[in-house]
Amino acid sequence: MLFEDEKDYIMRMVKEMVRVFFSLMLGKKYVSVELEDKNKYKVSGKPLKELLIMADNGEINEAENVVLSDIDYSNKNEVAAAALFYQYLSEKNDDFLMENNYSKEEVLDGIKQIIEKSGYSDLANIDGIL
């Protein structure tokens, strides 16, 4: 597998994990349109939209720290916001991530952490079917 193919694979894997995670957690089929309505999501007390702006401004690690700092794993909307955050990061190009001291592998690790701590560890460990 070429390096670029591996990055695309990680992006597809993150998207598929989020899709299945939303289906299991929220009991409904996930559609990407939900990201467009990002104003309704908050995580660790901060609106998702603000976290995405931080990421766009190169403050990826700082935004991730906010996401992970006080997340309430029993609140499905907060967990959904965190998953959408990682999905958003997975769509960033490698150069942007590298310039900001981040990687696709960290995106994958982040979404896996969210999934595991939400009680869906079986999903986080099923890389082979995604």
C-alpha atoms as a PDB file:
ATOM      1  CA  MET A   1       0.000   0.000   0.000  1.00  0.00           C
ATOM      2  CA  LEU A   2       1.389   3.390  -0.939  1.00  0.00           C
ATOM      3  CA  PHE A   3       1.740   6.095   1.685  1.00  0.00           C
ATOM      4  CA  GLU A   4      -1.067   8.199   0.153  1.00  0.00           C
ATOM      5  CA  ASP A   5      -3.328   5.147  -0.152  1.00  0.00           C
ATOM      6  CA  GLU A   6      -2.754   4.453   3.529  1.00  0.00           C
ATOM      7  CA  LYS A   7      -3.888   7.985   4.445  1.00  0.00           C
ATOM      8  CA  ASP A   8      -7.020   7.615   2.279  1.00  0.00           C
ATOM      9  CA  TYR A   9      -7.683   4.282   3.959  1.00  0.00           C
ATOM     10  CA  ILE A  10      -7.495   5.919   7.389  1.00  0.00           C
ATOM     11  CA  MET A  11      -9.899   8.654   6.269  1.00  0.00           C
ATOM     12  CA  ARG A  12     -12.380   6.058   4.969  1.00  0.00           C
ATOM     13  CA  MET A  13     -12.003   4.025   8.136  1.00  0.00           C
ATOM     14  CA  VAL A  14     -12.714   7.043  10.357  1.00  0.00           C
ATOM     15  CA  LYS A  15     -15.794   7.951   8.310  1.00  0.00           C
ATOM     16  CA  GLU A  16     -17.092   4.389   8.450  1.00  0.00           C
ATOM     17  CA  MET A  17     -16.448   4.149  12.197  1.00  0.00           C
ATOM     18  CA  VAL A  18     -18.375   7.389  12.748  1.00  0.00           C
ATOM     19  CA  ARG A  19     -21.227   6.163  10.543  1.00  0.00           C
ATOM     20  CA  VAL A  20     -21.565   2.852  12.393  1.00  0.00           C
ATOM     21  CA  PHE A  21     -21.022   4.526  15.770  1.00  0.00           C
ATOM     22  CA  PHE A  22     -23.843   7.006  15.131  1.00  0.00           C
ATOM     23  CA  SER A  23     -26.124   4.186  14.028  1.00  0.00           C
ATOM     24  CA  LEU A  24     -25.437   2.207  17.201  1.00  0.00           C
ATOM     25  CA  MET A  25     -25.343   5.093  19.648  1.00  0.00           C
ATOM     26  CA  LEU A  26     -28.235   7.164  18.348  1.00  0.00           C
ATOM     27  CA  GLY A  27     -30.302   4.347  16.912  1.00  0.00           C
ATOM     28  CA  LYS A  28     -30.621   5.992  13.539  1.00  0.00           C
ATOM     29  CA  LYS A  29     -28.840   6.011  10.239  1.00  0.00           C
ATOM     30  CA  TYR A  30     -26.064   8.572  10.150  1.00  0.00           C
ATOM     31  CA  VAL A  31     -26.056  11.016   7.274  1.00  0.00           C
ATOM     32  CA  SER A  32     -23.261  13.464   6.656  1.00  0.00           C
ATOM     33  CA  VAL A  33     -25.796  16.311   6.624  1.00  0.00           C
ATOM     34  CA  GLU A  34     -25.622  16.274  10.423  1.00  0.00           C
ATOM     35  CA  LEU A  35     -22.202  17.895  10.270  1.00  0.00           C
ATOM     36  CA  GLU A  36     -23.738  20.851   8.434  1.00  0.00           C
ATOM     37  CA  ASP A  37     -25.891  21.514  11.497  1.00  0.00           C
ATOM     38  CA  LYS A  38     -22.830  21.692  13.720  1.00  0.00           C
ATOM     39  CA  ASN A  39     -24.319  24.592  15.693  1.00  0.00           C
ATOM     40  CA  LYS A  40     -26.446  22.185  17.709  1.00  0.00           C
ATOM     41  CA  TYR A  41     -23.462  20.259  19.074  1.00  0.00           C
ATOM     42  CA  LYS A  42     -21.285  21.078  22.075  1.00  0.00           C
ATOM     43  CA  VAL A  43     -18.516  19.105  23.679  1.00  0.00           C
ATOM     44  CA  SER A  44     -16.803  19.869  26.979  1.00  0.00           C
ATOM     45  CA  GLY A  45     -18.911  23.032  27.143  1.00  0.00           C
ATOM     46  CA  LYS A  46     -17.668  24.451  23.832  1.00  0.00           C
ATOM     47  CA  PRO A  47     -19.662  24.614  20.579  1.00  0.00           C
ATOM     48  CA  LEU A  48     -18.398  22.204  17.929  1.00  0.00           C
ATOM     49  CA  LYS A  49     -18.293  25.045  15.426  1.00  0.00           C
ATOM     50  CA  GLU A  50     -15.692  26.870  17.570  1.00  0.00           C
ATOM     51  CA  LEU A  51     -13.579  23.720  17.834  1.00  0.00           C
ATOM     52  CA  LEU A  52     -13.635  23.294  14.065  1.00  0.00           C
ATOM     53  CA  ILE A  53     -12.552  26.913  13.626  1.00  0.00           C
ATOM     54  CA  MET A  54      -9.684  26.282  16.039  1.00  0.00           C
ATOM     55  CA  ALA A  55      -8.659  23.280  13.957  1.00  0.00           C
ATOM     56  CA  ASP A  56      -8.883  25.320  10.755  1.00  0.00           C
ATOM     57  CA  ASN A  57      -6.612  27.913  12.361  1.00  0.00           C
ATOM     58  CA  GLY A  58      -4.000  25.250  13.072  1.00  0.00           C
ATOM     59  CA  GLU A  59      -4.863  24.848  16.745  1.00  0.00           C
ATOM     60  CA  ILE A  60      -5.670  21.157  16.327  1.00  0.00           C
ATOM     61  CA  ASN A  61      -3.978  19.904  19.483  1.00  0.00           C
ATOM     62  CA  GLU A  62      -5.536  22.687  21.547  1.00  0.00           C
ATOM     63  CA  ALA A  63      -8.993  21.895  20.154  1.00  0.00           C
ATOM     64  CA  GLU A  64      -8.473  18.198  20.816  1.00  0.00           C
ATOM     65  CA  ASN A  65      -7.483  18.975  24.406  1.00  0.00           C
ATOM     66  CA  VAL A  66     -10.789  20.829  24.846  1.00  0.00           C
ATOM     67  CA  VAL A  67     -12.708  17.929  23.287  1.00  0.00           C
ATOM     68  CA  LEU A  68     -11.137  15.381  25.591  1.00  0.00           C
ATOM     69  CA  SER A  69     -10.877  17.487  28.760  1.00  0.00           C
ATOM     70  CA  ASP A  70     -14.376  17.346  30.212  1.00  0.00           C
ATOM     71  CA  ILE A  71     -16.426  15.267  27.801  1.00  0.00           C
ATOM     72  CA  ASP A  72     -19.466  13.648  29.369  1.00  0.00           C
ATOM     73  CA  TYR A  73     -19.491  10.171  27.834  1.00  0.00           C
ATOM     74  CA  SER A  74     -23.042   9.606  29.061  1.00  0.00           C
ATOM     75  CA  ASN A  75     -24.266  12.544  26.953  1.00  0.00           C
ATOM     76  CA  LYS A  76     -24.849  11.244  23.429  1.00  0.00           C
ATOM     77  CA  ASN A  77     -24.780  14.715  21.896  1.00  0.00           C
ATOM     78  CA  GLU A  78     -21.354  15.444  23.381  1.00  0.00           C
ATOM     79  CA  VAL A  79     -20.018  12.127  22.168  1.00  0.00           C
ATOM     80  CA  ALA A  80     -21.526  12.801  18.734  1.00  0.00           C
ATOM     81  CA  ALA A  81     -19.794  16.202  18.668  1.00  0.00           C
ATOM     82  CA  ALA A  82     -16.459  14.590  19.512  1.00  0.00           C
ATOM     83  CA  ALA A  83     -16.944  11.992  16.762  1.00  0.00           C
ATOM     84  CA  LEU A  84     -17.818  14.745  14.272  1.00  0.00           C
ATOM     85  CA  PHE A  85     -14.683  16.627  15.333  1.00  0.00           C
ATOM     86  CA  TYR A  86     -12.498  13.655  14.442  1.00  0.00           C
ATOM     87  CA  GLN A  87     -14.373  13.051  11.211  1.00  0.00           C
ATOM     88  CA  TYR A  88     -13.734  16.688  10.276  1.00  0.00           C
ATOM     89  CA  LEU A  89     -10.025  16.276  11.012  1.00  0.00           C
ATOM     90  CA  SER A  90      -9.891  13.116   8.892  1.00  0.00           C
ATOM     91  CA  GLU A  91     -10.883  15.221   5.886  1.00  0.00           C
ATOM     92  CA  LYS A  92      -7.932  17.590   6.283  1.00  0.00           C
ATOM     93  CA  ASN A  93      -5.031  17.024   3.909  1.00  0.00           C
ATOM     94  CA  ASP A  94      -1.797  15.528   5.169  1.00  0.00           C
ATOM     95  CA  ASP A  95       0.242  18.685   4.602  1.00  0.00           C
ATOM     96  CA  PHE A  96      -2.109  20.758   6.745  1.00  0.00           C
ATOM     97  CA  LEU A  97      -2.056  18.166   9.517  1.00  0.00           C
ATOM     98  CA  MET A  98       1.730  17.824   9.404  1.00  0.00           C
ATOM     99  CA  GLU A  99       2.232  21.608   9.477  1.00  0.00           C
ATOM    100  CA  ASN A 100       0.155  21.630  12.646  1.00  0.00           C
ATOM    101  CA  ASN A 101       1.855  18.686  14.370  1.00  0.00           C
ATOM    102  CA  TYR A 102      -0.948  16.209  13.782  1.00  0.00           C
ATOM    103  CA  SER A 103      -1.499  13.107  11.650  1.00  0.00           C
ATOM    104  CA  LYS A 104      -4.191  10.856  10.232  1.00  0.00           C
ATOM    105  CA  GLU A 105      -3.065   8.187  12.687  1.00  0.00           C
ATOM    106  CA  GLU A 106      -3.818  10.554  15.580  1.00  0.00           C
ATOM    107  CA  VAL A 107      -7.266  11.154  14.102  1.00  0.00           C
ATOM    108  CA  LEU A 108      -7.883   7.406  14.046  1.00  0.00           C
ATOM    109  CA  ASP A 109      -6.569   7.026  17.603  1.00  0.00           C
ATOM    110  CA  GLY A 110      -8.826   9.869  18.753  1.00  0.00           C
ATOM    111  CA  ILE A 111     -12.020   8.447  17.291  1.00  0.00           C
ATOM    112  CA  LYS A 112     -11.147   5.024  18.687  1.00  0.00           C
ATOM    113  CA  GLN A 113     -10.689   6.563  22.145  1.00  0.00           C
ATOM    114  CA  ILE A 114     -14.087   8.271  21.945  1.00  0.00           C
ATOM    115  CA  ILE A 115     -15.760   5.056  20.804  1.00  0.00           C
ATOM    116  CA  GLU A 116     -14.096   2.920  23.483  1.00  0.00           C
ATOM    117  CA  LYS A 117     -14.850   5.315  26.346  1.00  0.00           C
ATOM    118  CA  SER A 118     -18.459   5.497  25.182  1.00  0.00           C
ATOM    119  CA  GLY A 119     -18.851   1.767  25.748  1.00  0.00           C
ATOM    120  CA  TYR A 120     -18.513   0.600  22.147  1.00  0.00           C
ATOM    121  CA  SER A 121     -15.027  -0.877  22.384  1.00  0.00           C
ATOM    122  CA  ASP A 122     -15.974  -3.764  20.086  1.00  0.00           C
ATOM    123  CA  LEU A 123     -16.491  -1.273  17.267  1.00  0.00           C
ATOM    124  CA  ALA A 124     -13.095   0.363  17.883  1.00  0.00           C
ATOM    125  CA  ASN A 125     -11.403  -3.022  17.576  1.00  0.00           C
ATOM    126  CA  ILE A 126     -12.998  -4.133  14.312  1.00  0.00           C
ATOM    127  CA  ASP A 127     -10.640  -2.429  11.872  1.00  0.00           C
ATOM    128  CA  GLY A 128     -10.756  -5.417   9.562  1.00  0.00           C
ATOM    129  CA  ILE A 129     -14.393  -5.018   8.545  1.00  0.00           C
ATOM    130  CA  LEU A 130     -14.228  -1.297   7.896  1.00  0.00           C
END
